[in-house]
Amino acid sequence: MLILDIFAQRANTSEGRLQVELAQQKYLLPRLMGIGNDLSRLGGGIGTRGPGETKLESDRRHIRRRIQSLEEQLDKLENKRKLLRTRRKKDGITTVAIVGYTNVGKSTLLNALTDAGVLAENKLFATLDPTSRALELPNGRTVILIDTVGLIRRLPHHLVEAFKSTLEEAANADIVLNVCDASNEEMPEQIAVTKELMYSLGAESVPVITVMNKCDKLDNVPVGLENNTVLISAKTGYGFDNLVKTIEKTLEPSQKRLILLVPYSNSGILNEIRIDGKIFSEEYIAEGTLVDALVDIKILHKVKDFIYNK
């Protein structure tokens, strides 16, 4: 109940408040028996019903109706979230979900990478509502970083169910950043908690980068890290270059950066490049337009004759 109370205090958006209230109501429903002094029977005969039982049934009906109403509202929001995911996939937008134990620095990392302005404090569940921000990688590719709710060991079942649509942002991401506190003795357990949740959401096939945060608190920086494991400090910015390069390396290539010399007679191809790619610079010379561009794989065959090798 304490965890639910903390969540209730941290929820800021309408969706966050609905999710927390649903978890609270589901937790409360089977525990109504015995609450208050007026909920005990007045007699021992069959069918004997005192005011306590009447009040108890009334409260249960009210909670069931409220649960049904909350679930209907969340279903509408979940459908909206699914449409957004479908649109992102259709538009070829790459998403990177930031997941991990509560208070390991997920929001601080998002703020440091994207200037998101998300609340980041040294307390449990400081942020509940998922926040999305764009991050441009060194190769010019743009990804969407999504901050998710913090996790704990033995996360209450009702809470997982209530926040399922939010947590599924991680299950549908192209990459998951599993952020953990490198200075915490329980770091292996924190990593295991996140992996267990991802497995329960059916996201075991999503590539995971283990991000060991708060390494500035370590006396000795560990060496010989496993593949797709990076050391960072979201507070000082240490290791960000390595993290971004690891994200680049882990992503399946969908675009390629090229120098092209496009004849003026084929200038229409530049518009196609702009739709799914990006043009960093263009220069008009006698032979055509010289461009430095990020070209989508789908139209690579159209520009292969224009690749500038000088």
C-alpha atoms as a PDB file:
ATOM      1  CA  MET A   1       0.000   0.000   0.000  1.00  0.00           C
ATOM      2  CA  LEU A   2       2.955   2.284   0.711  1.00  0.00           C
ATOM      3  CA  ILE A   3       4.284   1.744  -2.816  1.00  0.00           C
ATOM      4  CA  LEU A   4       0.868   2.618  -4.247  1.00  0.00           C
ATOM      5  CA  ASP A   5       0.714   5.762  -2.116  1.00  0.00           C
ATOM      6  CA  ILE A   6       4.142   6.851  -3.403  1.00  0.00           C
ATOM      7  CA  PHE A   7       3.007   6.230  -6.976  1.00  0.00           C
ATOM      8  CA  ALA A   8      -0.154   8.278  -6.365  1.00  0.00           C
ATOM      9  CA  GLN A   9       1.941  11.252  -5.200  1.00  0.00           C
ATOM     10  CA  ARG A  10       4.243  11.058  -8.250  1.00  0.00           C
ATOM     11  CA  ALA A  11       1.566  10.708 -10.963  1.00  0.00           C
ATOM     12  CA  ASN A  12       1.215  13.988 -12.853  1.00  0.00           C
ATOM     13  CA  THR A  13      -0.576  13.161 -16.113  1.00  0.00           C
ATOM     14  CA  SER A  14      -4.152  11.930 -16.424  1.00  0.00           C
ATOM     15  CA  GLU A  15      -2.945   8.536 -17.665  1.00  0.00           C
ATOM     16  CA  GLY A  16      -0.557   8.164 -14.741  1.00  0.00           C
ATOM     17  CA  ARG A  17      -3.303   8.972 -12.247  1.00  0.00           C
ATOM     18  CA  LEU A  18      -5.706   6.499 -13.895  1.00  0.00           C
ATOM     19  CA  GLN A  19      -3.085   3.730 -13.803  1.00  0.00           C
ATOM     20  CA  VAL A  20      -2.293   4.289 -10.134  1.00  0.00           C
ATOM     21  CA  GLU A  21      -5.958   4.500  -9.096  1.00  0.00           C
ATOM     22  CA  LEU A  22      -6.718   1.261 -10.941  1.00  0.00           C
ATOM     23  CA  ALA A  23      -3.906  -0.498  -9.077  1.00  0.00           C
ATOM     24  CA  GLN A  24      -5.152   0.933  -5.762  1.00  0.00           C
ATOM     25  CA  GLN A  25      -8.741  -0.153  -6.348  1.00  0.00           C
ATOM     26  CA  LYS A  26      -7.723  -3.688  -7.395  1.00  0.00           C
ATOM     27  CA  TYR A  27      -5.521  -3.941  -4.317  1.00  0.00           C
ATOM     28  CA  LEU A  28      -8.291  -2.676  -2.025  1.00  0.00           C
ATOM     29  CA  LEU A  29     -11.195  -4.800  -3.304  1.00  0.00           C
ATOM     30  CA  PRO A  30     -10.280  -8.182  -1.723  1.00  0.00           C
ATOM     31  CA  ARG A  31      -9.116  -6.461   1.467  1.00  0.00           C
ATOM     32  CA  LEU A  32     -12.357  -4.662   2.368  1.00  0.00           C
ATOM     33  CA  MET A  33     -13.379  -7.329   4.887  1.00  0.00           C
ATOM     34  CA  GLY A  34     -12.701  -6.137   8.420  1.00  0.00           C
ATOM     35  CA  ILE A  35     -12.068  -2.483   7.612  1.00  0.00           C
ATOM     36  CA  GLY A  36     -13.887  -0.342  10.187  1.00  0.00           C
ATOM     37  CA  ASN A  37     -15.824  -1.318  13.297  1.00  0.00           C
ATOM     38  CA  ASP A  38     -19.245  -1.431  11.610  1.00  0.00           C
ATOM     39  CA  LEU A  39     -18.525  -4.315   9.220  1.00  0.00           C
ATOM     40  CA  SER A  40     -19.220  -7.256  11.565  1.00  0.00           C
ATOM     41  CA  ARG A  41     -22.368  -9.434  11.674  1.00  0.00           C
ATOM     42  CA  LEU A  42     -25.061  -8.647  14.225  1.00  0.00           C
ATOM     43  CA  GLY A  43     -26.328 -12.208  14.516  1.00  0.00           C
ATOM     44  CA  GLY A  44     -25.353 -15.780  13.804  1.00  0.00           C
ATOM     45  CA  GLY A  45     -28.412 -17.085  11.936  1.00  0.00           C
ATOM     46  CA  ILE A  46     -28.655 -17.897   8.260  1.00  0.00           C
ATOM     47  CA  GLY A  47     -29.500 -14.798   6.281  1.00  0.00           C
ATOM     48  CA  THR A  48     -28.786 -12.498   9.192  1.00  0.00           C
ATOM     49  CA  ARG A  49     -27.484  -9.327   7.666  1.00  0.00           C
ATOM     50  CA  GLY A  50     -26.561  -6.307   9.687  1.00  0.00           C
ATOM     51  CA  PRO A  51     -25.705  -2.781   8.516  1.00  0.00           C
ATOM     52  CA  GLY A  52     -22.042  -3.788   8.322  1.00  0.00           C
ATOM     53  CA  GLU A  53     -22.653  -6.357   5.571  1.00  0.00           C
ATOM     54  CA  THR A  54     -24.857  -3.927   3.662  1.00  0.00           C
ATOM     55  CA  LYS A  55     -22.130  -1.284   3.770  1.00  0.00           C
ATOM     56  CA  LEU A  56     -19.489  -3.835   2.727  1.00  0.00           C
ATOM     57  CA  GLU A  57     -21.447  -4.960  -0.348  1.00  0.00           C
ATOM     58  CA  SER A  58     -22.205  -1.358  -1.273  1.00  0.00           C
ATOM     59  CA  ASP A  59     -18.509  -0.494  -1.104  1.00  0.00           C
ATOM     60  CA  ARG A  60     -17.585  -3.529  -3.202  1.00  0.00           C
ATOM     61  CA  ARG A  61     -20.102  -2.648  -5.901  1.00  0.00           C
ATOM     62  CA  HIS A  62     -18.795   0.903  -5.979  1.00  0.00           C
ATOM     63  CA  ILE A  63     -15.178  -0.285  -6.340  1.00  0.00           C
ATOM     64  CA  ARG A  64     -16.090  -2.794  -9.089  1.00  0.00           C
ATOM     65  CA  ARG A  65     -17.898  -0.062 -11.033  1.00  0.00           C
ATOM     66  CA  ARG A  66     -14.928   2.257 -10.590  1.00  0.00           C
ATOM     67  CA  ILE A  67     -12.488  -0.459 -11.751  1.00  0.00           C
ATOM     68  CA  GLN A  68     -14.616  -1.059 -14.855  1.00  0.00           C
ATOM     69  CA  SER A  69     -14.711   2.673 -15.613  1.00  0.00           C
ATOM     70  CA  LEU A  70     -10.922   3.015 -15.148  1.00  0.00           C
ATOM     71  CA  GLU A  71     -10.218   0.007 -17.363  1.00  0.00           C
ATOM     72  CA  GLU A  72     -12.415   1.434 -20.122  1.00  0.00           C
ATOM     73  CA  GLN A  73     -10.610   4.779 -19.974  1.00  0.00           C
ATOM     74  CA  LEU A  74      -7.196   3.083 -20.005  1.00  0.00           C
ATOM     75  CA  ASP A  75      -8.248   0.879 -22.947  1.00  0.00           C
ATOM     76  CA  LYS A  76      -8.925   4.027 -24.969  1.00  0.00           C
ATOM     77  CA  LEU A  77      -5.522   5.439 -24.015  1.00  0.00           C
ATOM     78  CA  GLU A  78      -3.839   2.111 -24.801  1.00  0.00           C
ATOM     79  CA  ASN A  79      -5.431   2.054 -28.267  1.00  0.00           C
ATOM     80  CA  LYS A  80      -4.135   5.580 -28.826  1.00  0.00           C
ATOM     81  CA  ARG A  81      -0.676   4.481 -27.712  1.00  0.00           C
ATOM     82  CA  LYS A  82      -0.819   1.504 -30.095  1.00  0.00           C
ATOM     83  CA  LEU A  83      -1.727   3.810 -32.971  1.00  0.00           C
ATOM     84  CA  LEU A  84       1.269   6.005 -32.133  1.00  0.00           C
ATOM     85  CA  ARG A  85       3.568   2.949 -32.093  1.00  0.00           C
ATOM     86  CA  THR A  86       2.159   1.765 -35.427  1.00  0.00           C
ATOM     87  CA  ARG A  87       2.667   5.229 -36.910  1.00  0.00           C
ATOM     88  CA  ARG A  88       6.256   5.340 -35.652  1.00  0.00           C
ATOM     89  CA  LYS A  89       6.968   1.948 -37.229  1.00  0.00           C
ATOM     90  CA  LYS A  90       5.317   3.003 -40.485  1.00  0.00           C
ATOM     91  CA  ASP A  91       7.346   6.206 -40.589  1.00  0.00           C
ATOM     92  CA  GLY A  92      10.531   4.253 -39.871  1.00  0.00           C
ATOM     93  CA  ILE A  93      11.145   6.001 -36.539  1.00  0.00           C
ATOM     94  CA  THR A  94      13.659   4.195 -34.331  1.00  0.00           C
ATOM     95  CA  THR A  95      12.846   4.045 -30.615  1.00  0.00           C
ATOM     96  CA  VAL A  96      15.213   3.435 -27.691  1.00  0.00           C
ATOM     97  CA  ALA A  97      13.542   2.682 -24.343  1.00  0.00           C
ATOM     98  CA  ILE A  98      15.294   3.560 -21.080  1.00  0.00           C
ATOM     99  CA  VAL A  99      14.349   1.009 -18.413  1.00  0.00           C
ATOM    100  CA  GLY A 100      15.762   0.033 -15.057  1.00  0.00           C
ATOM    101  CA  TYR A 101      15.390  -0.016 -11.300  1.00  0.00           C
ATOM    102  CA  THR A 102      13.964   3.031  -9.600  1.00  0.00           C
ATOM    103  CA  ASN A 103      16.406   5.807  -8.674  1.00  0.00           C
ATOM    104  CA  VAL A 104      19.283   4.639 -10.892  1.00  0.00           C
ATOM    105  CA  GLY A 105      19.388   7.846 -12.965  1.00  0.00           C
ATOM    106  CA  LYS A 106      17.164   7.141 -15.992  1.00  0.00           C
ATOM    107  CA  SER A 107      15.595  10.608 -16.071  1.00  0.00           C
ATOM    108  CA  THR A 108      18.983  12.240 -15.407  1.00  0.00           C
ATOM    109  CA  LEU A 109      20.392  10.359 -18.410  1.00  0.00           C
ATOM    110  CA  LEU A 110      17.483  11.455 -20.623  1.00  0.00           C
ATOM    111  CA  ASN A 111      17.928  15.064 -19.525  1.00  0.00           C
ATOM    112  CA  ALA A 112      21.689  14.967 -20.133  1.00  0.00           C
ATOM    113  CA  LEU A 113      21.352  13.490 -23.633  1.00  0.00           C
ATOM    114  CA  THR A 114      18.395  15.542 -24.884  1.00  0.00           C
ATOM    115  CA  ASP A 115      17.780  18.493 -22.507  1.00  0.00           C
ATOM    116  CA  ALA A 116      14.359  16.962 -21.858  1.00  0.00           C
ATOM    117  CA  GLY A 117      13.709  18.870 -18.636  1.00  0.00           C
ATOM    118  CA  VAL A 118      12.203  15.795 -16.918  1.00  0.00           C
ATOM    119  CA  LEU A 119      12.019  15.844 -13.113  1.00  0.00           C
ATOM    120  CA  ALA A 120      15.077  14.003 -11.766  1.00  0.00           C
ATOM    121  CA  GLU A 121      15.467  13.704  -7.998  1.00  0.00           C
ATOM    122  CA  ASN A 122      17.137  11.360  -5.550  1.00  0.00           C
ATOM    123  CA  LYS A 123      13.931   9.610  -4.509  1.00  0.00           C
ATOM    124  CA  LEU A 124      11.897   6.543  -5.422  1.00  0.00           C
ATOM    125  CA  PHE A 125       9.631   6.764  -8.484  1.00  0.00           C
ATOM    126  CA  ALA A 126      10.350  10.482  -9.067  1.00  0.00           C
ATOM    127  CA  THR A 127       8.786  10.132 -12.538  1.00  0.00           C
ATOM    128  CA  LEU A 128       5.995   7.793 -13.601  1.00  0.00           C
ATOM    129  CA  ASP A 129       4.879   9.114 -16.951  1.00  0.00           C
ATOM    130  CA  PRO A 130       6.814   8.060 -20.081  1.00  0.00           C
ATOM    131  CA  THR A 131       8.619  10.928 -21.783  1.00  0.00           C
ATOM    132  CA  SER A 132       9.845  10.866 -25.394  1.00  0.00           C
ATOM    133  CA  ARG A 133      12.635  13.023 -26.783  1.00  0.00           C
ATOM    134  CA  ALA A 134      14.591  12.975 -30.049  1.00  0.00           C
ATOM    135  CA  LEU A 135      18.336  12.289 -30.066  1.00  0.00           C
ATOM    136  CA  GLU A 136      20.508  12.774 -33.150  1.00  0.00           C
ATOM    137  CA  LEU A 137      23.349  10.269 -33.415  1.00  0.00           C
ATOM    138  CA  PRO A 138      26.782  11.240 -34.823  1.00  0.00           C
ATOM    139  CA  ASN A 139      25.984   9.519 -38.140  1.00  0.00           C
ATOM    140  CA  GLY A 140      22.984  11.836 -38.573  1.00  0.00           C
ATOM    141  CA  ARG A 141      20.348   9.238 -37.720  1.00  0.00           C
ATOM    142  CA  THR A 142      17.639  10.383 -35.281  1.00  0.00           C
ATOM    143  CA  VAL A 143      16.204   8.081 -32.611  1.00  0.00           C
ATOM    144  CA  ILE A 144      13.442   8.638 -30.065  1.00  0.00           C
ATOM    145  CA  LEU A 145      14.479   8.067 -26.432  1.00  0.00           C
ATOM    146  CA  ILE A 146      11.603   6.950 -24.177  1.00  0.00           C
ATOM    147  CA  ASP A 147      11.934   7.177 -20.379  1.00  0.00           C
ATOM    148  CA  THR A 148       9.794   4.577 -18.549  1.00  0.00           C
ATOM    149  CA  VAL A 149       8.583   3.981 -15.004  1.00  0.00           C
ATOM    150  CA  GLY A 150      11.161   2.787 -12.474  1.00  0.00           C
ATOM    151  CA  LEU A 151      11.042  -0.828 -11.342  1.00  0.00           C
ATOM    152  CA  ILE A 152      11.470  -2.553  -7.987  1.00  0.00           C
ATOM    153  CA  ARG A 153      11.901  -6.128  -6.811  1.00  0.00           C
ATOM    154  CA  ARG A 154       8.587  -7.986  -6.561  1.00  0.00           C
ATOM    155  CA  LEU A 155       6.701  -5.163  -8.274  1.00  0.00           C
ATOM    156  CA  PRO A 156       3.034  -5.613  -7.198  1.00  0.00           C
ATOM    157  CA  HIS A 157       1.036  -7.563  -9.775  1.00  0.00           C
ATOM    158  CA  HIS A 158      -1.743  -4.957  -9.894  1.00  0.00           C
ATOM    159  CA  LEU A 159       0.830  -2.269 -10.582  1.00  0.00           C
ATOM    160  CA  VAL A 160       2.343  -4.223 -13.478  1.00  0.00           C
ATOM    161  CA  GLU A 161      -1.109  -4.739 -14.987  1.00  0.00           C
ATOM    162  CA  ALA A 162      -2.075  -1.076 -14.560  1.00  0.00           C
ATOM    163  CA  PHE A 163       1.175   0.171 -16.120  1.00  0.00           C
ATOM    164  CA  LYS A 164       1.326  -2.524 -18.798  1.00  0.00           C
ATOM    165  CA  SER A 165       0.561  -0.179 -21.719  1.00  0.00           C
ATOM    166  CA  THR A 166       3.331   2.149 -20.526  1.00  0.00           C
ATOM    167  CA  LEU A 167       5.836  -0.649 -19.957  1.00  0.00           C
ATOM    168  CA  GLU A 168       5.067  -2.063 -23.404  1.00  0.00           C
ATOM    169  CA  GLU A 169       6.894   0.968 -24.823  1.00  0.00           C
ATOM    170  CA  ALA A 170      10.020  -0.986 -23.895  1.00  0.00           C
ATOM    171  CA  ALA A 171       8.718  -4.210 -25.429  1.00  0.00           C
ATOM    172  CA  ASN A 172       8.079  -2.443 -28.745  1.00  0.00           C
ATOM    173  CA  ALA A 173      11.351  -0.502 -28.820  1.00  0.00           C
ATOM    174  CA  ASP A 174      14.182  -1.194 -31.260  1.00  0.00           C
ATOM    175  CA  ILE A 175      16.739  -1.101 -28.422  1.00  0.00           C
ATOM    176  CA  VAL A 176      16.454  -1.168 -24.632  1.00  0.00           C
ATOM    177  CA  LEU A 177      18.905   0.677 -22.392  1.00  0.00           C
ATOM    178  CA  ASN A 178      18.947  -1.287 -19.127  1.00  0.00           C
ATOM    179  CA  VAL A 179      20.233   1.389 -16.732  1.00  0.00           C
ATOM    180  CA  CYS A 180      21.656   0.230 -13.379  1.00  0.00           C
ATOM    181  CA  ASP A 181      23.498   1.831 -10.470  1.00  0.00           C
ATOM    182  CA  ALA A 182      27.152   0.758 -10.725  1.00  0.00           C
ATOM    183  CA  SER A 183      27.793   1.964  -7.161  1.00  0.00           C
ATOM    184  CA  ASN A 184      25.033  -0.180  -5.665  1.00  0.00           C
ATOM    185  CA  GLU A 185      25.945  -3.570  -4.189  1.00  0.00           C
ATOM    186  CA  GLU A 186      22.625  -4.946  -5.445  1.00  0.00           C
ATOM    187  CA  MET A 187      23.333  -4.053  -9.086  1.00  0.00           C
ATOM    188  CA  PRO A 188      23.130  -7.704 -10.336  1.00  0.00           C
ATOM    189  CA  GLU A 189      19.676  -7.995  -8.769  1.00  0.00           C
ATOM    190  CA  GLN A 190      18.599  -4.705 -10.360  1.00  0.00           C
ATOM    191  CA  ILE A 191      19.644  -5.982 -13.805  1.00  0.00           C
ATOM    192  CA  ALA A 192      17.828  -9.277 -13.163  1.00  0.00           C
ATOM    193  CA  VAL A 193      14.603  -7.466 -12.185  1.00  0.00           C
ATOM    194  CA  THR A 194      14.588  -5.568 -15.479  1.00  0.00           C
ATOM    195  CA  LYS A 195      15.349  -8.693 -17.521  1.00  0.00           C
ATOM    196  CA  GLU A 196      12.558 -10.593 -15.759  1.00  0.00           C
ATOM    197  CA  LEU A 197      10.034  -7.852 -16.543  1.00  0.00           C
ATOM    198  CA  MET A 198      11.138  -7.666 -20.186  1.00  0.00           C
ATOM    199  CA  TYR A 199      10.705 -11.428 -20.441  1.00  0.00           C
ATOM    200  CA  SER A 200       7.183 -11.208 -18.948  1.00  0.00           C
ATOM    201  CA  LEU A 201       6.279  -8.580 -21.577  1.00  0.00           C
ATOM    202  CA  GLY A 202       7.517 -10.863 -24.359  1.00  0.00           C
ATOM    203  CA  ALA A 203      10.436  -8.590 -25.210  1.00  0.00           C
ATOM    204  CA  GLU A 204      13.300 -11.022 -24.741  1.00  0.00           C
ATOM    205  CA  SER A 205      14.316 -10.628 -28.407  1.00  0.00           C
ATOM    206  CA  VAL A 206      14.823  -6.831 -28.174  1.00  0.00           C
ATOM    207  CA  PRO A 207      18.554  -5.920 -28.160  1.00  0.00           C
ATOM    208  CA  VAL A 208      19.649  -4.714 -24.716  1.00  0.00           C
ATOM    209  CA  ILE A 209      22.520  -2.365 -23.862  1.00  0.00           C
ATOM    210  CA  THR A 210      23.470  -2.539 -20.175  1.00  0.00           C
ATOM    211  CA  VAL A 211      24.251   0.984 -18.987  1.00  0.00           C
ATOM    212  CA  MET A 212      26.215   1.099 -15.715  1.00  0.00           C
ATOM    213  CA  ASN A 213      25.474   4.592 -14.392  1.00  0.00           C
ATOM    214  CA  LYS A 214      27.012   6.506 -11.467  1.00  0.00           C
ATOM    215  CA  CYS A 215      30.508   5.186 -12.209  1.00  0.00           C
ATOM    216  CA  ASP A 216      31.864   8.481 -10.809  1.00  0.00           C
ATOM    217  CA  LYS A 217      31.120   7.022  -7.367  1.00  0.00           C
ATOM    218  CA  LEU A 218      33.377   4.001  -7.955  1.00  0.00           C
ATOM    219  CA  ASP A 219      36.896   3.842  -6.525  1.00  0.00           C
ATOM    220  CA  ASN A 220      38.054   1.537  -9.320  1.00  0.00           C
ATOM    221  CA  VAL A 221      36.514   1.518 -12.786  1.00  0.00           C
ATOM    222  CA  PRO A 222      35.823  -2.122 -13.806  1.00  0.00           C
ATOM    223  CA  VAL A 223      37.563  -3.499 -16.889  1.00  0.00           C
ATOM    224  CA  GLY A 224      36.748  -6.361 -19.222  1.00  0.00           C
ATOM    225  CA  LEU A 225      33.051  -5.503 -19.526  1.00  0.00           C
ATOM    226  CA  GLU A 226      30.761  -7.731 -21.571  1.00  0.00           C
ATOM    227  CA  ASN A 227      29.671  -6.734 -25.060  1.00  0.00           C
ATOM    228  CA  ASN A 228      26.940  -4.089 -25.142  1.00  0.00           C
ATOM    229  CA  THR A 229      27.844  -2.910 -21.628  1.00  0.00           C
ATOM    230  CA  VAL A 230      28.951   0.684 -21.142  1.00  0.00           C
ATOM    231  CA  LEU A 231      30.079   2.709 -18.145  1.00  0.00           C
ATOM    232  CA  ILE A 232      28.686   6.222 -17.829  1.00  0.00           C
ATOM    233  CA  SER A 233      28.015   8.996 -15.374  1.00  0.00           C
ATOM    234  CA  ALA A 234      24.779  10.820 -16.235  1.00  0.00           C
ATOM    235  CA  LYS A 235      25.801  13.499 -13.737  1.00  0.00           C
ATOM    236  CA  THR A 236      29.209  14.337 -15.252  1.00  0.00           C
ATOM    237  CA  GLY A 237      28.672  13.183 -18.858  1.00  0.00           C
ATOM    238  CA  TYR A 238      31.434  10.560 -18.698  1.00  0.00           C
ATOM    239  CA  GLY A 239      31.000   7.740 -21.220  1.00  0.00           C
ATOM    240  CA  PHE A 240      28.283   9.423 -23.317  1.00  0.00           C
ATOM    241  CA  ASP A 241      30.353   9.160 -26.517  1.00  0.00           C
ATOM    242  CA  ASN A 242      30.796   5.434 -25.991  1.00  0.00           C
ATOM    243  CA  LEU A 243      27.085   5.005 -25.206  1.00  0.00           C
ATOM    244  CA  VAL A 244      25.981   6.796 -28.371  1.00  0.00           C
ATOM    245  CA  LYS A 245      28.441   4.781 -30.476  1.00  0.00           C
ATOM    246  CA  THR A 246      27.130   1.554 -28.931  1.00  0.00           C
ATOM    247  CA  ILE A 247      23.555   2.567 -29.806  1.00  0.00           C
ATOM    248  CA  GLU A 248      24.692   3.260 -33.380  1.00  0.00           C
ATOM    249  CA  LYS A 249      26.467  -0.094 -33.606  1.00  0.00           C
ATOM    250  CA  THR A 250      23.512  -2.034 -32.171  1.00  0.00           C
ATOM    251  CA  LEU A 251      20.894  -0.524 -34.481  1.00  0.00           C
ATOM    252  CA  GLU A 252      20.234  -2.302 -37.742  1.00  0.00           C
ATOM    253  CA  PRO A 253      21.386  -0.040 -40.570  1.00  0.00           C
ATOM    254  CA  SER A 254      18.419   1.601 -42.289  1.00  0.00           C
ATOM    255  CA  GLN A 255      20.302   4.578 -43.688  1.00  0.00           C
ATOM    256  CA  LYS A 256      23.721   5.242 -45.137  1.00  0.00           C
ATOM    257  CA  ARG A 257      25.652   8.508 -45.248  1.00  0.00           C
ATOM    258  CA  LEU A 258      26.991   9.285 -48.732  1.00  0.00           C
ATOM    259  CA  ILE A 259      28.532  12.074 -50.783  1.00  0.00           C
ATOM    260  CA  LEU A 260      26.504  12.313 -53.995  1.00  0.00           C
ATOM    261  CA  LEU A 261      26.877  14.287 -57.190  1.00  0.00           C
ATOM    262  CA  VAL A 262      23.334  14.445 -58.571  1.00  0.00           C
ATOM    263  CA  PRO A 263      22.951  15.745 -62.150  1.00  0.00           C
ATOM    264  CA  TYR A 264      20.441  18.567 -62.532  1.00  0.00           C
ATOM    265  CA  SER A 265      18.343  16.318 -64.767  1.00  0.00           C
ATOM    266  CA  ASN A 266      17.872  13.927 -61.800  1.00  0.00           C
ATOM    267  CA  SER A 267      17.344  16.551 -59.107  1.00  0.00           C
ATOM    268  CA  GLY A 268      13.988  14.962 -58.188  1.00  0.00           C
ATOM    269  CA  ILE A 269      15.911  12.282 -56.271  1.00  0.00           C
ATOM    270  CA  LEU A 270      16.906  14.934 -53.705  1.00  0.00           C
ATOM    271  CA  ASN A 271      13.273  15.241 -52.618  1.00  0.00           C
ATOM    272  CA  GLU A 272      13.104  11.460 -52.102  1.00  0.00           C
ATOM    273  CA  ILE A 273      16.255  11.620 -49.970  1.00  0.00           C
ATOM    274  CA  ARG A 274      14.693  14.339 -47.805  1.00  0.00           C
ATOM    275  CA  ILE A 275      11.512  12.298 -47.142  1.00  0.00           C
ATOM    276  CA  ASP A 276      13.190   9.385 -45.313  1.00  0.00           C
ATOM    277  CA  GLY A 277      16.728  10.722 -44.918  1.00  0.00           C
ATOM    278  CA  LYS A 278      18.535  13.977 -44.406  1.00  0.00           C
ATOM    279  CA  ILE A 279      20.697  16.372 -46.412  1.00  0.00           C
ATOM    280  CA  PHE A 280      23.477  17.956 -44.361  1.00  0.00           C
ATOM    281  CA  SER A 281      24.887  20.205 -47.065  1.00  0.00           C
ATOM    282  CA  GLU A 282      24.486  20.870 -50.765  1.00  0.00           C
ATOM    283  CA  GLU A 283      26.638  22.732 -53.265  1.00  0.00           C
ATOM    284  CA  TYR A 284      25.767  23.661 -56.829  1.00  0.00           C
ATOM    285  CA  ILE A 285      28.585  23.022 -59.285  1.00  0.00           C
ATOM    286  CA  ALA A 286      28.793  22.713 -63.079  1.00  0.00           C
ATOM    287  CA  GLU A 287      28.126  18.957 -63.161  1.00  0.00           C
ATOM    288  CA  GLY A 288      25.171  19.011 -60.751  1.00  0.00           C
ATOM    289  CA  THR A 289      24.329  19.236 -57.043  1.00  0.00           C
ATOM    290  CA  LEU A 290      27.018  17.965 -54.658  1.00  0.00           C
ATOM    291  CA  VAL A 291      25.327  16.789 -51.450  1.00  0.00           C
ATOM    292  CA  ASP A 292      26.333  15.223 -48.157  1.00  0.00           C
ATOM    293  CA  ALA A 293      23.267  13.129 -47.360  1.00  0.00           C
ATOM    294  CA  LEU A 294      21.860  10.378 -45.158  1.00  0.00           C
ATOM    295  CA  VAL A 295      20.131   8.062 -47.637  1.00  0.00           C
ATOM    296  CA  ASP A 296      17.473   5.512 -46.738  1.00  0.00           C
ATOM    297  CA  ILE A 297      18.355   1.924 -47.672  1.00  0.00           C
ATOM    298  CA  LYS A 298      15.101   1.652 -49.674  1.00  0.00           C
ATOM    299  CA  ILE A 299      16.295   4.147 -52.310  1.00  0.00           C
ATOM    300  CA  LEU A 300      19.985   3.225 -52.246  1.00  0.00           C
ATOM    301  CA  HIS A 301      19.681   1.572 -55.661  1.00  0.00           C
ATOM    302  CA  LYS A 302      18.462   4.860 -57.137  1.00  0.00           C
ATOM    303  CA  VAL A 303      21.523   6.852 -56.061  1.00  0.00           C
ATOM    304  CA  LYS A 304      24.321   4.290 -56.482  1.00  0.00           C
ATOM    305  CA  ASP A 305      25.305   5.810 -59.856  1.00  0.00           C
ATOM    306  CA  PHE A 306      25.653   9.256 -58.246  1.00  0.00           C
ATOM    307  CA  ILE A 307      28.091   8.321 -55.476  1.00  0.00           C
ATOM    308  CA  TYR A 308      30.961  10.816 -55.506  1.00  0.00           C
ATOM    309  CA  ASN A 309      34.328   9.134 -54.942  1.00  0.00           C
ATOM    310  CA  LYS A 310      36.773  12.027 -55.377  1.00  0.00           C
END
